[in-house]
Amino acid sequence: MRVVLTEAAAADLESIADWIAADNPGRALSFVTDLRDACGALADQARAWPLVPRYERHGVRRRALGAYLIFFRAEANAIVILRVLHGARDYEPLLFPEG
């Protein structure tokens, strides 16, 4: 199954890289690579990760990697990466603006 990043998820990865690069450029590259690898691994194990509580009806799941959360949806032909956000962020308004 293929893995597709939304524009928002790609922008999240770029922001994460920029944030980490301010202190450690080498780690920024390796960590974003780790995040991309974790996204890619979802192609084989998407349903192993839990649905987001209270929003199960949206079919959104999340996977943690360090302090970051990868939010995704398993669709018929692809895993769609919706966002990659720091776990301390209030992610609900970003993912579910309609509530």
PDB file of N, CA and C in Angstrom:
ATOM      1  N   MET A   1       0.851  -1.171   0.000  1.00  0.00           N
ATOM      2  CA  MET A   1       0.000   0.000   0.000  1.00  0.00           C
ATOM      3  C   MET A   1       0.903   1.242   0.000  1.00  0.00           C
ATOM      4  N   ARG A   2       0.487   2.264  -0.709  1.00  0.00           N
ATOM      5  CA  ARG A   2       1.309   3.458  -0.786  1.00  0.00           C
ATOM      6  C   ARG A   2       0.978   4.407   0.372  1.00  0.00           C
ATOM      7  N   VAL A   3       1.937   5.251   0.688  1.00  0.00           N
ATOM      8  CA  VAL A   3       1.777   6.250   1.741  1.00  0.00           C
ATOM      9  C   VAL A   3       1.844   7.626   1.086  1.00  0.00           C
ATOM     10  N   VAL A   4       0.852   8.465   1.395  1.00  0.00           N
ATOM     11  CA  VAL A   4       0.747   9.795   0.795  1.00  0.00           C
ATOM     12  C   VAL A   4       0.744  10.829   1.914  1.00  0.00           C
ATOM     13  N   LEU A   5       1.594  11.829   1.777  1.00  0.00           N
ATOM     14  CA  LEU A   5       1.598  12.944   2.719  1.00  0.00           C
ATOM     15  C   LEU A   5       0.723  14.065   2.179  1.00  0.00           C
ATOM     16  N   THR A   6      -0.148  14.599   3.016  1.00  0.00           N
ATOM     17  CA  THR A   6      -0.907  15.778   2.629  1.00  0.00           C
ATOM     18  C   THR A   6       0.037  16.974   2.617  1.00  0.00           C
ATOM     19  N   GLU A   7      -0.408  18.062   2.024  1.00  0.00           N
ATOM     20  CA  GLU A   7       0.399  19.286   2.038  1.00  0.00           C
ATOM     21  C   GLU A   7       0.669  19.733   3.473  1.00  0.00           C
ATOM     22  N   ALA A   8      -0.327  19.589   4.336  1.00  0.00           N
ATOM     23  CA  ALA A   8      -0.164  19.999   5.728  1.00  0.00           C
ATOM     24  C   ALA A   8       0.908  19.156   6.423  1.00  0.00           C
ATOM     25  N   ALA A   9       0.909  17.848   6.164  1.00  0.00           N
ATOM     26  CA  ALA A   9       1.911  16.968   6.777  1.00  0.00           C
ATOM     27  C   ALA A   9       3.307  17.287   6.266  1.00  0.00           C
ATOM     28  N   ALA A  10       3.439  17.553   4.977  1.00  0.00           N
ATOM     29  CA  ALA A  10       4.744  17.927   4.416  1.00  0.00           C
ATOM     30  C   ALA A  10       5.230  19.235   5.039  1.00  0.00           C
ATOM     31  N   ALA A  11       4.322  20.192   5.219  1.00  0.00           N
ATOM     32  CA  ALA A  11       4.686  21.463   5.858  1.00  0.00           C
ATOM     33  C   ALA A  11       5.079  21.241   7.313  1.00  0.00           C
ATOM     34  N   ASP A  12       4.386  20.307   7.988  1.00  0.00           N
ATOM     35  CA  ASP A  12       4.745  19.983   9.374  1.00  0.00           C
ATOM     36  C   ASP A  12       6.172  19.467   9.452  1.00  0.00           C
ATOM     37  N   LEU A  13       6.545  18.549   8.548  1.00  0.00           N
ATOM     38  CA  LEU A  13       7.896  17.994   8.554  1.00  0.00           C
ATOM     39  C   LEU A  13       8.936  19.078   8.306  1.00  0.00           C
ATOM     40  N   GLU A  14       8.631  19.990   7.416  1.00  0.00           N
ATOM     41  CA  GLU A  14       9.556  21.084   7.142  1.00  0.00           C
ATOM     42  C   GLU A  14       9.716  21.980   8.372  1.00  0.00           C
ATOM     43  N   SER A  15       8.621  22.263   9.056  1.00  0.00           N
ATOM     44  CA  SER A  15       8.677  23.085  10.267  1.00  0.00           C
ATOM     45  C   SER A  15       9.459  22.405  11.379  1.00  0.00           C
ATOM     46  N   ILE A  16       9.255  21.106  11.513  1.00  0.00           N
ATOM     47  CA  ILE A  16       9.991  20.339  12.525  1.00  0.00           C
ATOM     48  C   ILE A  16      11.482  20.395  12.228  1.00  0.00           C
ATOM     49  N   ALA A  17      11.841  20.209  10.967  1.00  0.00           N
ATOM     50  CA  ALA A  17      13.255  20.264  10.573  1.00  0.00           C
ATOM     51  C   ALA A  17      13.839  21.645  10.872  1.00  0.00           C
ATOM     52  N   ASP A  18      13.115  22.687  10.538  1.00  0.00           N
ATOM     53  CA  ASP A  18      13.596  24.050  10.793  1.00  0.00           C
ATOM     54  C   ASP A  18      13.795  24.298  12.286  1.00  0.00           C
ATOM     55  N   TRP A  19      12.854  23.842  13.083  1.00  0.00           N
ATOM     56  CA  TRP A  19      12.915  24.034  14.533  1.00  0.00           C
ATOM     57  C   TRP A  19      14.143  23.333  15.117  1.00  0.00           C
ATOM     58  N   ILE A  20      14.346  22.083  14.764  1.00  0.00           N
ATOM     59  CA  ILE A  20      15.477  21.323  15.298  1.00  0.00           C
ATOM     60  C   ILE A  20      16.797  21.861  14.738  1.00  0.00           C
ATOM     61  N   ALA A  21      16.797  22.267  13.482  1.00  0.00           N
ATOM     62  CA  ALA A  21      18.021  22.745  12.836  1.00  0.00           C
ATOM     63  C   ALA A  21      18.575  24.008  13.484  1.00  0.00           C
ATOM     64  N   ALA A  22      17.719  24.773  14.146  1.00  0.00           N
ATOM     65  CA  ALA A  22      18.194  25.974  14.829  1.00  0.00           C
ATOM     66  C   ALA A  22      19.248  25.625  15.876  1.00  0.00           C
ATOM     67  N   ASP A  23      19.136  24.443  16.466  1.00  0.00           N
ATOM     68  CA  ASP A  23      20.104  24.001  17.477  1.00  0.00           C
ATOM     69  C   ASP A  23      21.055  22.924  16.970  1.00  0.00           C
ATOM     70  N   ASN A  24      20.568  22.065  16.072  1.00  0.00           N
ATOM     71  CA  ASN A  24      21.370  20.913  15.666  1.00  0.00           C
ATOM     72  C   ASN A  24      20.984  20.486  14.241  1.00  0.00           C
ATOM     73  N   PRO A  25      21.617  21.082  13.230  1.00  0.00           N
ATOM     74  CA  PRO A  25      21.246  20.780  11.841  1.00  0.00           C
ATOM     75  C   PRO A  25      21.349  19.300  11.478  1.00  0.00           C
ATOM     76  N   GLY A  26      22.363  18.621  11.974  1.00  0.00           N
ATOM     77  CA  GLY A  26      22.514  17.202  11.663  1.00  0.00           C
ATOM     78  C   GLY A  26      21.382  16.368  12.225  1.00  0.00           C
ATOM     79  N   ARG A  27      20.975  16.669  13.433  1.00  0.00           N
ATOM     80  CA  ARG A  27      19.886  15.924  14.048  1.00  0.00           C
ATOM     81  C   ARG A  27      18.560  16.234  13.358  1.00  0.00           C
ATOM     82  N   ALA A  28      18.411  17.456  12.871  1.00  0.00           N
ATOM     83  CA  ALA A  28      17.175  17.809  12.158  1.00  0.00           C
ATOM     84  C   ALA A  28      16.968  16.877  10.975  1.00  0.00           C
ATOM     85  N   LEU A  29      18.015  16.688  10.195  1.00  0.00           N
ATOM     86  CA  LEU A  29      17.917  15.814   9.026  1.00  0.00           C
ATOM     87  C   LEU A  29      17.636  14.371   9.437  1.00  0.00           C
ATOM     88  N   SER A  30      18.352  13.866  10.433  1.00  0.00           N
ATOM     89  CA  SER A  30      18.156  12.465  10.824  1.00  0.00           C
ATOM     90  C   SER A  30      16.787  12.244  11.466  1.00  0.00           C
ATOM     91  N   PHE A  31      16.305  13.223  12.245  1.00  0.00           N
ATOM     92  CA  PHE A  31      15.013  13.034  12.888  1.00  0.00           C
ATOM     93  C   PHE A  31      13.874  13.077  11.882  1.00  0.00           C
ATOM     94  N   VAL A  32      13.937  13.997  10.931  1.00  0.00           N
ATOM     95  CA  VAL A  32      12.892  14.036   9.909  1.00  0.00           C
ATOM     96  C   VAL A  32      12.939  12.761   9.059  1.00  0.00           C
ATOM     97  N   THR A  33      14.130  12.233   8.841  1.00  0.00           N
ATOM     98  CA  THR A  33      14.243  10.941   8.151  1.00  0.00           C
ATOM     99  C   THR A  33      13.560   9.853   8.975  1.00  0.00           C
ATOM    100  N   ASP A  34      13.777   9.874  10.290  1.00  0.00           N
ATOM    101  CA  ASP A  34      13.107   8.909  11.175  1.00  0.00           C
ATOM    102  C   ASP A  34      11.587   9.044  11.072  1.00  0.00           C
ATOM    103  N   LEU A  35      11.105  10.285  11.069  1.00  0.00           N
ATOM    104  CA  LEU A  35       9.658  10.505  10.948  1.00  0.00           C
ATOM    105  C   LEU A  35       9.127   9.991   9.610  1.00  0.00           C
ATOM    106  N   ARG A  36       9.851  10.266   8.527  1.00  0.00           N
ATOM    107  CA  ARG A  36       9.429   9.780   7.206  1.00  0.00           C
ATOM    108  C   ARG A  36       9.435   8.245   7.158  1.00  0.00           C
ATOM    109  N   ASP A  37      10.446   7.637   7.769  1.00  0.00           N
ATOM    110  CA  ASP A  37      10.505   6.167   7.821  1.00  0.00           C
ATOM    111  C   ASP A  37       9.323   5.608   8.605  1.00  0.00           C
ATOM    112  N   ALA A  38       8.968   6.274   9.715  1.00  0.00           N
ATOM    113  CA  ALA A  38       7.822   5.829  10.511  1.00  0.00           C
ATOM    114  C   ALA A  38       6.532   5.949   9.704  1.00  0.00           C
ATOM    115  N   CYS A  39       6.424   7.013   8.918  1.00  0.00           N
ATOM    116  CA  CYS A  39       5.251   7.162   8.044  1.00  0.00           C
ATOM    117  C   CYS A  39       5.214   6.031   7.015  1.00  0.00           C
ATOM    118  N   GLY A  40       6.350   5.747   6.406  1.00  0.00           N
ATOM    119  CA  GLY A  40       6.417   4.689   5.405  1.00  0.00           C
ATOM    120  C   GLY A  40       6.078   3.319   5.962  1.00  0.00           C
ATOM    121  N   ALA A  41       6.482   3.065   7.212  1.00  0.00           N
ATOM    122  CA  ALA A  41       6.208   1.772   7.845  1.00  0.00           C
ATOM    123  C   ALA A  41       4.722   1.553   8.074  1.00  0.00           C
ATOM    124  N   LEU A  42       3.943   2.611   8.070  1.00  0.00           N
ATOM    125  CA  LEU A  42       2.500   2.467   8.272  1.00  0.00           C
ATOM    126  C   LEU A  42       1.837   1.693   7.144  1.00  0.00           C
ATOM    127  N   ALA A  43       2.478   1.619   5.994  1.00  0.00           N
ATOM    128  CA  ALA A  43       1.913   0.878   4.863  1.00  0.00           C
ATOM    129  C   ALA A  43       1.685  -0.586   5.217  1.00  0.00           C
ATOM    130  N   ASP A  44       2.514  -1.114   6.105  1.00  0.00           N
ATOM    131  CA  ASP A  44       2.415  -2.531   6.471  1.00  0.00           C
ATOM    132  C   ASP A  44       1.694  -2.779   7.782  1.00  0.00           C
ATOM    133  N   GLN A  45       1.487  -1.734   8.571  1.00  0.00           N
ATOM    134  CA  GLN A  45       0.939  -1.967   9.913  1.00  0.00           C
ATOM    135  C   GLN A  45      -0.025  -0.879  10.379  1.00  0.00           C
ATOM    136  N   ALA A  46      -0.727  -0.271   9.475  1.00  0.00           N
ATOM    137  CA  ALA A  46      -1.582   0.882   9.801  1.00  0.00           C
ATOM    138  C   ALA A  46      -2.604   0.576  10.888  1.00  0.00           C
ATOM    139  N   ARG A  47      -3.229  -0.560  10.817  1.00  0.00           N
ATOM    140  CA  ARG A  47      -4.300  -0.865  11.761  1.00  0.00           C
ATOM    141  C   ARG A  47      -3.783  -1.287  13.138  1.00  0.00           C
ATOM    142  N   ALA A  48      -2.477  -1.367  13.294  1.00  0.00           N
ATOM    143  CA  ALA A  48      -1.886  -1.678  14.597  1.00  0.00           C
ATOM    144  C   ALA A  48      -1.918  -0.467  15.526  1.00  0.00           C
ATOM    145  N   TRP A  49      -2.139   0.714  14.956  1.00  0.00           N
ATOM    146  CA  TRP A  49      -2.107   1.944  15.749  1.00  0.00           C
ATOM    147  C   TRP A  49      -3.524   2.367  16.100  1.00  0.00           C
ATOM    148  N   PRO A  50      -3.711   2.959  17.294  1.00  0.00           N
ATOM    149  CA  PRO A  50      -5.070   3.247  17.766  1.00  0.00           C
ATOM    150  C   PRO A  50      -5.744   4.406  17.049  1.00  0.00           C
ATOM    151  N   LEU A  51      -7.061   4.317  17.023  1.00  0.00           N
ATOM    152  CA  LEU A  51      -7.869   5.436  16.567  1.00  0.00           C
ATOM    153  C   LEU A  51      -7.773   6.555  17.605  1.00  0.00           C
ATOM    154  N   VAL A  52      -7.916   7.789  17.160  1.00  0.00           N
ATOM    155  CA  VAL A  52      -7.878   8.923  18.077  1.00  0.00           C
ATOM    156  C   VAL A  52      -9.159   8.897  18.909  1.00  0.00           C
ATOM    157  N   PRO A  53      -9.034   8.822  20.241  1.00  0.00           N
ATOM    158  CA  PRO A  53     -10.224   8.766  21.093  1.00  0.00           C
ATOM    159  C   PRO A  53     -11.153   9.949  20.855  1.00  0.00           C
ATOM    160  N   ARG A  54     -12.434   9.686  20.931  1.00  0.00           N
ATOM    161  CA  ARG A  54     -13.517  10.644  20.724  1.00  0.00           C
ATOM    162  C   ARG A  54     -13.735  10.988  19.262  1.00  0.00           C
ATOM    163  N   TYR A  55     -12.833  10.571  18.369  1.00  0.00           N
ATOM    164  CA  TYR A  55     -12.962  10.902  16.949  1.00  0.00           C
ATOM    165  C   TYR A  55     -12.860   9.648  16.079  1.00  0.00           C
ATOM    166  N   GLU A  56     -13.255   8.526  16.650  1.00  0.00           N
ATOM    167  CA  GLU A  56     -13.177   7.259  15.929  1.00  0.00           C
ATOM    168  C   GLU A  56     -13.949   7.304  14.613  1.00  0.00           C
ATOM    169  N   ARG A  57     -15.036   8.057  14.596  1.00  0.00           N
ATOM    170  CA  ARG A  57     -15.890   8.126  13.386  1.00  0.00           C
ATOM    171  C   ARG A  57     -15.149   8.710  12.184  1.00  0.00           C
ATOM    172  N   HIS A  58     -14.063   9.443  12.432  1.00  0.00           N
ATOM    173  CA  HIS A  58     -13.276  10.021  11.348  1.00  0.00           C
ATOM    174  C   HIS A  58     -12.247   9.033  10.793  1.00  0.00           C
ATOM    175  N   GLY A  59     -12.020   7.935  11.512  1.00  0.00           N
ATOM    176  CA  GLY A  59     -11.058   6.936  11.063  1.00  0.00           C
ATOM    177  C   GLY A  59      -9.611   7.382  11.178  1.00  0.00           C
ATOM    178  N   VAL A  60      -9.365   8.404  11.991  1.00  0.00           N
ATOM    179  CA  VAL A  60      -8.003   8.920  12.143  1.00  0.00           C
ATOM    180  C   VAL A  60      -7.279   8.154  13.241  1.00  0.00           C
ATOM    181  N   ARG A  61      -6.093   7.691  12.899  1.00  0.00           N
ATOM    182  CA  ARG A  61      -5.249   6.960  13.833  1.00  0.00           C
ATOM    183  C   ARG A  61      -4.012   7.795  14.132  1.00  0.00           C
ATOM    184  N   ARG A  62      -3.281   7.408  15.172  1.00  0.00           N
ATOM    185  CA  ARG A  62      -2.049   8.120  15.471  1.00  0.00           C
ATOM    186  C   ARG A  62      -0.956   7.161  15.898  1.00  0.00           C
ATOM    187  N   ARG A  63       0.242   7.550  15.521  1.00  0.00           N
ATOM    188  CA  ARG A  63       1.439   6.811  15.902  1.00  0.00           C
ATOM    189  C   ARG A  63       2.404   7.806  16.528  1.00  0.00           C
ATOM    190  N   ALA A  64       2.987   7.440  17.640  1.00  0.00           N
ATOM    191  CA  ALA A  64       3.964   8.305  18.306  1.00  0.00           C
ATOM    192  C   ALA A  64       5.373   7.941  17.857  1.00  0.00           C
ATOM    193  N   LEU A  65       6.199   8.969  17.747  1.00  0.00           N
ATOM    194  CA  LEU A  65       7.637   8.794  17.550  1.00  0.00           C
ATOM    195  C   LEU A  65       8.302   9.889  18.365  1.00  0.00           C
ATOM    196  N   GLY A  66       8.881   9.494  19.469  1.00  0.00           N
ATOM    197  CA  GLY A  66       9.421  10.484  20.392  1.00  0.00           C
ATOM    198  C   GLY A  66       8.280  11.353  20.887  1.00  0.00           C
ATOM    199  N   ALA A  67       8.468  12.650  20.849  1.00  0.00           N
ATOM    200  CA  ALA A  67       7.453  13.589  21.314  1.00  0.00           C
ATOM    201  C   ALA A  67       6.458  13.965  20.219  1.00  0.00           C
ATOM    202  N   TYR A  68       6.583  13.350  19.053  1.00  0.00           N
ATOM    203  CA  TYR A  68       5.737  13.713  17.911  1.00  0.00           C
ATOM    204  C   TYR A  68       4.675  12.657  17.650  1.00  0.00           C
ATOM    205  N   LEU A  69       3.557  13.119  17.111  1.00  0.00           N
ATOM    206  CA  LEU A  69       2.450  12.238  16.763  1.00  0.00           C
ATOM    207  C   LEU A  69       2.200  12.323  15.264  1.00  0.00           C
ATOM    208  N   ILE A  70       2.112  11.169  14.642  1.00  0.00           N
ATOM    209  CA  ILE A  70       1.790  11.072  13.215  1.00  0.00           C
ATOM    210  C   ILE A  70       0.313  10.704  13.131  1.00  0.00           C
ATOM    211  N   PHE A  71      -0.478  11.600  12.571  1.00  0.00           N
ATOM    212  CA  PHE A  71      -1.907  11.363  12.414  1.00  0.00           C
ATOM    213  C   PHE A  71      -2.163  10.927  10.980  1.00  0.00           C
ATOM    214  N   PHE A  72      -2.921   9.833  10.819  1.00  0.00           N
ATOM    215  CA  PHE A  72      -3.132   9.281   9.491  1.00  0.00           C
ATOM    216  C   PHE A  72      -4.471   8.585   9.393  1.00  0.00           C
ATOM    217  N   ARG A  73      -4.859   8.337   8.160  1.00  0.00           N
ATOM    218  CA  ARG A  73      -6.088   7.602   7.873  1.00  0.00           C
ATOM    219  C   ARG A  73      -5.735   6.472   6.918  1.00  0.00           C
ATOM    220  N   ALA A  74      -6.199   5.272   7.223  1.00  0.00           N
ATOM    221  CA  ALA A  74      -6.020   4.124   6.334  1.00  0.00           C
ATOM    222  C   ALA A  74      -7.211   4.084   5.379  1.00  0.00           C
ATOM    223  N   GLU A  75      -6.941   4.381   4.112  1.00  0.00           N
ATOM    224  CA  GLU A  75      -7.992   4.367   3.097  1.00  0.00           C
ATOM    225  C   GLU A  75      -7.848   3.100   2.258  1.00  0.00           C
ATOM    226  N   ALA A  76      -8.728   2.906   1.310  1.00  0.00           N
ATOM    227  CA  ALA A  76      -8.751   1.669   0.531  1.00  0.00           C
ATOM    228  C   ALA A  76      -7.438   1.407  -0.196  1.00  0.00           C
ATOM    229  N   ASN A  77      -6.841   2.436  -0.788  1.00  0.00           N
ATOM    230  CA  ASN A  77      -5.647   2.233  -1.607  1.00  0.00           C
ATOM    231  C   ASN A  77      -4.412   2.956  -1.102  1.00  0.00           C
ATOM    232  N   ALA A  78      -4.526   3.637   0.026  1.00  0.00           N
ATOM    233  CA  ALA A  78      -3.381   4.410   0.507  1.00  0.00           C
ATOM    234  C   ALA A  78      -3.505   4.700   1.993  1.00  0.00           C
ATOM    235  N   ILE A  79      -2.372   4.951   2.588  1.00  0.00           N
ATOM    236  CA  ILE A  79      -2.308   5.506   3.931  1.00  0.00           C
ATOM    237  C   ILE A  79      -2.068   6.994   3.730  1.00  0.00           C
ATOM    238  N   VAL A  80      -2.956   7.813   4.245  1.00  0.00           N
ATOM    239  CA  VAL A  80      -2.852   9.256   4.065  1.00  0.00           C
ATOM    240  C   VAL A  80      -2.370   9.871   5.378  1.00  0.00           C
ATOM    241  N   ILE A  81      -1.182  10.468   5.326  1.00  0.00           N
ATOM    242  CA  ILE A  81      -0.624  11.138   6.494  1.00  0.00           C
ATOM    243  C   ILE A  81      -1.242  12.530   6.535  1.00  0.00           C
ATOM    244  N   LEU A  82      -2.008  12.800   7.585  1.00  0.00           N
ATOM    245  CA  LEU A  82      -2.740  14.055   7.690  1.00  0.00           C
ATOM    246  C   LEU A  82      -1.897  15.165   8.302  1.00  0.00           C
ATOM    247  N   ARG A  83      -1.248  14.862   9.409  1.00  0.00           N
ATOM    248  CA  ARG A  83      -0.432  15.853  10.116  1.00  0.00           C
ATOM    249  C   ARG A  83       0.659  15.121  10.883  1.00  0.00           C
ATOM    250  N   VAL A  84       1.726  15.836  11.183  1.00  0.00           N
ATOM    251  CA  VAL A  84       2.792  15.367  12.069  1.00  0.00           C
ATOM    252  C   VAL A  84       3.013  16.511  13.050  1.00  0.00           C
ATOM    253  N   LEU A  85       2.609  16.295  14.304  1.00  0.00           N
ATOM    254  CA  LEU A  85       2.570  17.377  15.284  1.00  0.00           C
ATOM    255  C   LEU A  85       3.256  16.978  16.579  1.00  0.00           C
ATOM    256  N   HIS A  86       3.800  17.973  17.257  1.00  0.00           N
ATOM    257  CA  HIS A  86       4.369  17.729  18.582  1.00  0.00           C
ATOM    258  C   HIS A  86       3.229  17.331  19.512  1.00  0.00           C
ATOM    259  N   GLY A  87       3.468  16.360  20.357  1.00  0.00           N
ATOM    260  CA  GLY A  87       2.434  15.844  21.239  1.00  0.00           C
ATOM    261  C   GLY A  87       1.891  16.849  22.236  1.00  0.00           C
ATOM    262  N   ALA A  88       2.630  17.928  22.510  1.00  0.00           N
ATOM    263  CA  ALA A  88       2.169  18.942  23.452  1.00  0.00           C
ATOM    264  C   ALA A  88       1.187  19.923  22.815  1.00  0.00           C
ATOM    265  N   ARG A  89       1.061  19.877  21.497  1.00  0.00           N
ATOM    266  CA  ARG A  89       0.142  20.800  20.815  1.00  0.00           C
ATOM    267  C   ARG A  89      -1.305  20.367  20.995  1.00  0.00           C
ATOM    268  N   ASP A  90      -2.185  21.318  20.944  1.00  0.00           N
ATOM    269  CA  ASP A  90      -3.610  21.038  20.958  1.00  0.00           C
ATOM    270  C   ASP A  90      -3.997  20.659  19.529  1.00  0.00           C
ATOM    271  N   TYR A  91      -3.975  19.370  19.247  1.00  0.00           N
ATOM    272  CA  TYR A  91      -4.154  18.910  17.866  1.00  0.00           C
ATOM    273  C   TYR A  91      -5.607  18.849  17.418  1.00  0.00           C
ATOM    274  N   GLU A  92      -6.532  18.784  18.335  1.00  0.00           N
ATOM    275  CA  GLU A  92      -7.927  18.609  17.953  1.00  0.00           C
ATOM    276  C   GLU A  92      -8.437  19.692  17.008  1.00  0.00           C
ATOM    277  N   PRO A  93      -8.203  20.994  17.282  1.00  0.00           N
ATOM    278  CA  PRO A  93      -8.701  22.000  16.328  1.00  0.00           C
ATOM    279  C   PRO A  93      -8.026  21.924  14.967  1.00  0.00           C
ATOM    280  N   LEU A  94      -6.807  21.409  14.915  1.00  0.00           N
ATOM    281  CA  LEU A  94      -6.098  21.277  13.638  1.00  0.00           C
ATOM    282  C   LEU A  94      -6.635  20.128  12.802  1.00  0.00           C
ATOM    283  N   LEU A  95      -6.983  19.037  13.464  1.00  0.00           N
ATOM    284  CA  LEU A  95      -7.469  17.853  12.754  1.00  0.00           C
ATOM    285  C   LEU A  95      -8.982  17.835  12.572  1.00  0.00           C
ATOM    286  N   PHE A  96      -9.684  18.371  13.528  1.00  0.00           N
ATOM    287  CA  PHE A  96     -11.135  18.271  13.541  1.00  0.00           C
ATOM    288  C   PHE A  96     -11.769  19.653  13.758  1.00  0.00           C
ATOM    289  N   PRO A  97     -11.595  20.562  12.816  1.00  0.00           N
ATOM    290  CA  PRO A  97     -12.113  21.913  13.020  1.00  0.00           C
ATOM    291  C   PRO A  97     -13.637  21.966  13.208  1.00  0.00           C
ATOM    292  N   GLU A  98     -14.320  20.967  12.692  1.00  0.00           N
ATOM    293  CA  GLU A  98     -15.789  20.948  12.817  1.00  0.00           C
ATOM    294  C   GLU A  98     -16.249  20.369  14.142  1.00  0.00           C
ATOM    295  N   GLY A  99     -15.289  19.854  14.932  1.00  0.00           N
ATOM    296  CA  GLY A  99     -15.624  19.339  16.257  1.00  0.00           C
ATOM    297  C   GLY A  99     -16.073  17.972  16.311  1.00  0.00           C
TER     298      GLY A  99
END
